[in-house]
Amino acid sequence: MTQVRPTDQEFLEFAVKALVDTPEDVKVERKIDEMGVLITLDVNPADMGMVIGREGQTAKALRTILRVIGARNNARVNLKINEPEGSTRGERTPRPAVATPAPEVKKSIDDVLGDMNI
């Protein structure tokens, strides 16, 4: 019984289409050269954040899995995610500073009784 393994291109297309809101806009191209396999991914500009993920974690995970698939086939696989035309990056705003609590002031019993005017 032969086992059919999905190719790197099929895997990427399946995974990205599951992530994005407009799967019909996902385009995956595969090119082979002397450096290995280059897979180029194009998505809808509105879906770019879903593909990249927070701090690039989703893109990093996709690249890792593609490298594993490539290693099983004795190939070096790289992923290039094309930035859509007309996309704009928002300005990075610094995170608000976290307020640190004031250090607790320890008083002696004499100080506390003096504050109470007893």
C-alpha atoms as a PDB file:
ATOM      1  CA  MET A   1       0.000   0.000   0.000  1.00  0.00           C
ATOM      2  CA  THR A   2       1.531   3.285  -1.041  1.00  0.00           C
ATOM      3  CA  GLN A   3       1.296   6.280   1.224  1.00  0.00           C
ATOM      4  CA  VAL A   4       0.810   9.638  -0.451  1.00  0.00           C
ATOM      5  CA  ARG A   5       2.594  12.473   1.353  1.00  0.00           C
ATOM      6  CA  PRO A   6       1.472  16.030   0.712  1.00  0.00           C
ATOM      7  CA  THR A   7       4.046  18.216  -0.958  1.00  0.00           C
ATOM      8  CA  ASP A   8       5.417  21.313   0.702  1.00  0.00           C
ATOM      9  CA  GLN A   9       3.334  23.509  -1.600  1.00  0.00           C
ATOM     10  CA  GLU A  10       0.117  21.602  -0.862  1.00  0.00           C
ATOM     11  CA  PHE A  11       0.762  21.749   2.879  1.00  0.00           C
ATOM     12  CA  LEU A  12       1.378  25.501   2.870  1.00  0.00           C
ATOM     13  CA  GLU A  13      -1.704  26.195   0.765  1.00  0.00           C
ATOM     14  CA  PHE A  14      -3.893  24.066   3.055  1.00  0.00           C
ATOM     15  CA  ALA A  15      -2.535  25.613   6.273  1.00  0.00           C
ATOM     16  CA  VAL A  16      -2.736  29.224   5.114  1.00  0.00           C
ATOM     17  CA  LYS A  17      -6.236  28.827   3.680  1.00  0.00           C
ATOM     18  CA  ALA A  18      -7.339  27.535   7.081  1.00  0.00           C
ATOM     19  CA  LEU A  19      -5.877  30.634   8.774  1.00  0.00           C
ATOM     20  CA  VAL A  20      -7.164  33.475   6.597  1.00  0.00           C
ATOM     21  CA  ASP A  21     -10.613  35.004   6.074  1.00  0.00           C
ATOM     22  CA  THR A  22     -10.350  35.097   2.264  1.00  0.00           C
ATOM     23  CA  PRO A  23      -8.868  31.730   1.200  1.00  0.00           C
ATOM     24  CA  GLU A  24      -9.609  32.396  -2.484  1.00  0.00           C
ATOM     25  CA  ASP A  25      -6.883  35.100  -2.477  1.00  0.00           C
ATOM     26  CA  VAL A  26      -4.126  32.704  -1.347  1.00  0.00           C
ATOM     27  CA  LYS A  27      -1.528  32.061  -4.069  1.00  0.00           C
ATOM     28  CA  VAL A  28       1.441  29.755  -3.602  1.00  0.00           C
ATOM     29  CA  GLU A  29       4.277  29.488  -6.128  1.00  0.00           C
ATOM     30  CA  ARG A  30       7.142  27.010  -5.981  1.00  0.00           C
ATOM     31  CA  LYS A  31      10.508  27.507  -7.681  1.00  0.00           C
ATOM     32  CA  ILE A  32      13.569  25.285  -7.622  1.00  0.00           C
ATOM     33  CA  ASP A  33      17.086  26.607  -8.110  1.00  0.00           C
ATOM     34  CA  GLU A  34      20.637  25.764  -7.036  1.00  0.00           C
ATOM     35  CA  MET A  35      19.933  27.065  -3.497  1.00  0.00           C
ATOM     36  CA  GLY A  36      16.937  24.748  -2.985  1.00  0.00           C
ATOM     37  CA  VAL A  37      13.195  25.285  -3.076  1.00  0.00           C
ATOM     38  CA  LEU A  38      11.685  28.753  -2.745  1.00  0.00           C
ATOM     39  CA  ILE A  39       7.991  28.938  -1.950  1.00  0.00           C
ATOM     40  CA  THR A  40       6.399  32.361  -2.423  1.00  0.00           C
ATOM     41  CA  LEU A  41       3.146  33.171  -0.644  1.00  0.00           C
ATOM     42  CA  ASP A  42       0.690  35.917  -1.608  1.00  0.00           C
ATOM     43  CA  VAL A  43      -2.362  36.709   0.539  1.00  0.00           C
ATOM     44  CA  ASN A  44      -5.042  39.378   0.790  1.00  0.00           C
ATOM     45  CA  PRO A  45      -3.706  42.523   2.553  1.00  0.00           C
ATOM     46  CA  ALA A  46      -6.369  42.171   5.254  1.00  0.00           C
ATOM     47  CA  ASP A  47      -5.130  38.648   6.066  1.00  0.00           C
ATOM     48  CA  MET A  48      -1.459  39.526   6.360  1.00  0.00           C
ATOM     49  CA  GLY A  49      -1.589  39.779  10.147  1.00  0.00           C
ATOM     50  CA  MET A  50      -3.045  36.281  10.451  1.00  0.00           C
ATOM     51  CA  VAL A  51      -0.240  34.796   8.363  1.00  0.00           C
ATOM     52  CA  ILE A  52       2.534  36.651  10.182  1.00  0.00           C
ATOM     53  CA  GLY A  53       1.093  36.209  13.667  1.00  0.00           C
ATOM     54  CA  ARG A  54       2.042  37.976  16.859  1.00  0.00           C
ATOM     55  CA  GLU A  55       5.724  38.867  16.694  1.00  0.00           C
ATOM     56  CA  GLY A  56       6.067  36.639  13.608  1.00  0.00           C
ATOM     57  CA  GLN A  57       5.372  33.391  15.437  1.00  0.00           C
ATOM     58  CA  THR A  58       2.937  31.966  12.872  1.00  0.00           C
ATOM     59  CA  ALA A  59       5.291  32.648   9.962  1.00  0.00           C
ATOM     60  CA  LYS A  60       8.165  31.137  11.929  1.00  0.00           C
ATOM     61  CA  ALA A  61       6.135  28.001  12.633  1.00  0.00           C
ATOM     62  CA  LEU A  62       5.179  27.635   8.960  1.00  0.00           C
ATOM     63  CA  ARG A  63       8.844  27.977   7.939  1.00  0.00           C
ATOM     64  CA  THR A  64       9.883  25.358  10.497  1.00  0.00           C
ATOM     65  CA  ILE A  65       7.333  22.818   9.274  1.00  0.00           C
ATOM     66  CA  LEU A  66       8.308  23.479   5.647  1.00  0.00           C
ATOM     67  CA  ARG A  67      11.956  22.824   6.509  1.00  0.00           C
ATOM     68  CA  VAL A  68      10.981  19.515   8.116  1.00  0.00           C
ATOM     69  CA  ILE A  69       9.009  18.513   5.019  1.00  0.00           C
ATOM     70  CA  GLY A  70      11.987  19.529   2.890  1.00  0.00           C
ATOM     71  CA  ALA A  71      14.401  17.522   5.042  1.00  0.00           C
ATOM     72  CA  ARG A  72      12.300  14.408   4.520  1.00  0.00           C
ATOM     73  CA  ASN A  73      12.686  14.958   0.766  1.00  0.00           C
ATOM     74  CA  ASN A  74      16.383  15.967   0.927  1.00  0.00           C
ATOM     75  CA  ALA A  75      15.656  19.551  -0.091  1.00  0.00           C
ATOM     76  CA  ARG A  76      16.160  22.939   1.516  1.00  0.00           C
ATOM     77  CA  VAL A  77      12.837  24.773   1.565  1.00  0.00           C
ATOM     78  CA  ASN A  78      12.522  28.519   2.172  1.00  0.00           C
ATOM     79  CA  LEU A  79       9.346  30.576   2.494  1.00  0.00           C
ATOM     80  CA  LYS A  80       8.985  34.129   1.220  1.00  0.00           C
ATOM     81  CA  ILE A  81       5.844  36.012   2.195  1.00  0.00           C
ATOM     82  CA  ASN A  82       5.178  38.837  -0.257  1.00  0.00           C
ATOM     83  CA  GLU A  83       3.884  42.052   1.236  1.00  0.00           C
ATOM     84  CA  PRO A  84       0.757  43.001  -0.717  1.00  0.00           C
ATOM     85  CA  GLU A  85       0.827  46.180  -2.777  1.00  0.00           C
ATOM     86  CA  GLY A  86      -0.853  49.084  -1.115  1.00  0.00           C
ATOM     87  CA  SER A  87      -0.445  47.655   2.348  1.00  0.00           C
ATOM     88  CA  THR A  88       0.473  50.096   5.027  1.00  0.00           C
ATOM     89  CA  ARG A  89       2.100  49.401   8.305  1.00  0.00           C
ATOM     90  CA  GLY A  90       0.712  51.202  11.264  1.00  0.00           C
ATOM     91  CA  GLU A  91       3.008  53.220  13.437  1.00  0.00           C
ATOM     92  CA  ARG A  92       4.329  51.379  16.420  1.00  0.00           C
ATOM     93  CA  THR A  93       3.158  52.967  19.583  1.00  0.00           C
ATOM     94  CA  PRO A  94       5.153  52.374  22.706  1.00  0.00           C
ATOM     95  CA  ARG A  95       3.492  50.287  25.334  1.00  0.00           C
ATOM     96  CA  PRO A  96       2.213  52.222  28.316  1.00  0.00           C
ATOM     97  CA  ALA A  97       4.504  52.130  31.287  1.00  0.00           C
ATOM     98  CA  VAL A  98       3.379  49.881  34.075  1.00  0.00           C
ATOM     99  CA  ALA A  99       2.829  51.831  37.273  1.00  0.00           C
ATOM    100  CA  THR A 100       4.995  50.476  40.038  1.00  0.00           C
ATOM    101  CA  PRO A 101       3.463  50.550  43.485  1.00  0.00           C
ATOM    102  CA  ALA A 102       4.992  52.926  46.007  1.00  0.00           C
ATOM    103  CA  PRO A 103       7.248  51.201  48.486  1.00  0.00           C
ATOM    104  CA  GLU A 104       5.511  50.381  51.729  1.00  0.00           C
ATOM    105  CA  VAL A 105       6.616  52.618  54.574  1.00  0.00           C
ATOM    106  CA  LYS A 106       7.060  50.797  57.837  1.00  0.00           C
ATOM    107  CA  LYS A 107       6.273  52.688  61.023  1.00  0.00           C
ATOM    108  CA  SER A 108       7.034  51.878  64.579  1.00  0.00           C
ATOM    109  CA  ILE A 109       4.286  51.564  67.164  1.00  0.00           C
ATOM    110  CA  ASP A 110       5.310  54.927  68.654  1.00  0.00           C
ATOM    111  CA  ASP A 111       4.872  56.622  65.256  1.00  0.00           C
ATOM    112  CA  VAL A 112       1.426  55.104  64.746  1.00  0.00           C
ATOM    113  CA  LEU A 113       0.287  56.118  68.247  1.00  0.00           C
ATOM    114  CA  GLY A 114       1.709  59.604  67.671  1.00  0.00           C
ATOM    115  CA  ASP A 115      -0.335  59.886  64.426  1.00  0.00           C
ATOM    116  CA  MET A 116      -3.487  58.924  66.341  1.00  0.00           C
ATOM    117  CA  ASN A 117      -2.942  61.638  68.998  1.00  0.00           C
ATOM    118  CA  ILE A 118      -3.758  59.334  71.858  1.00  0.00           C
END
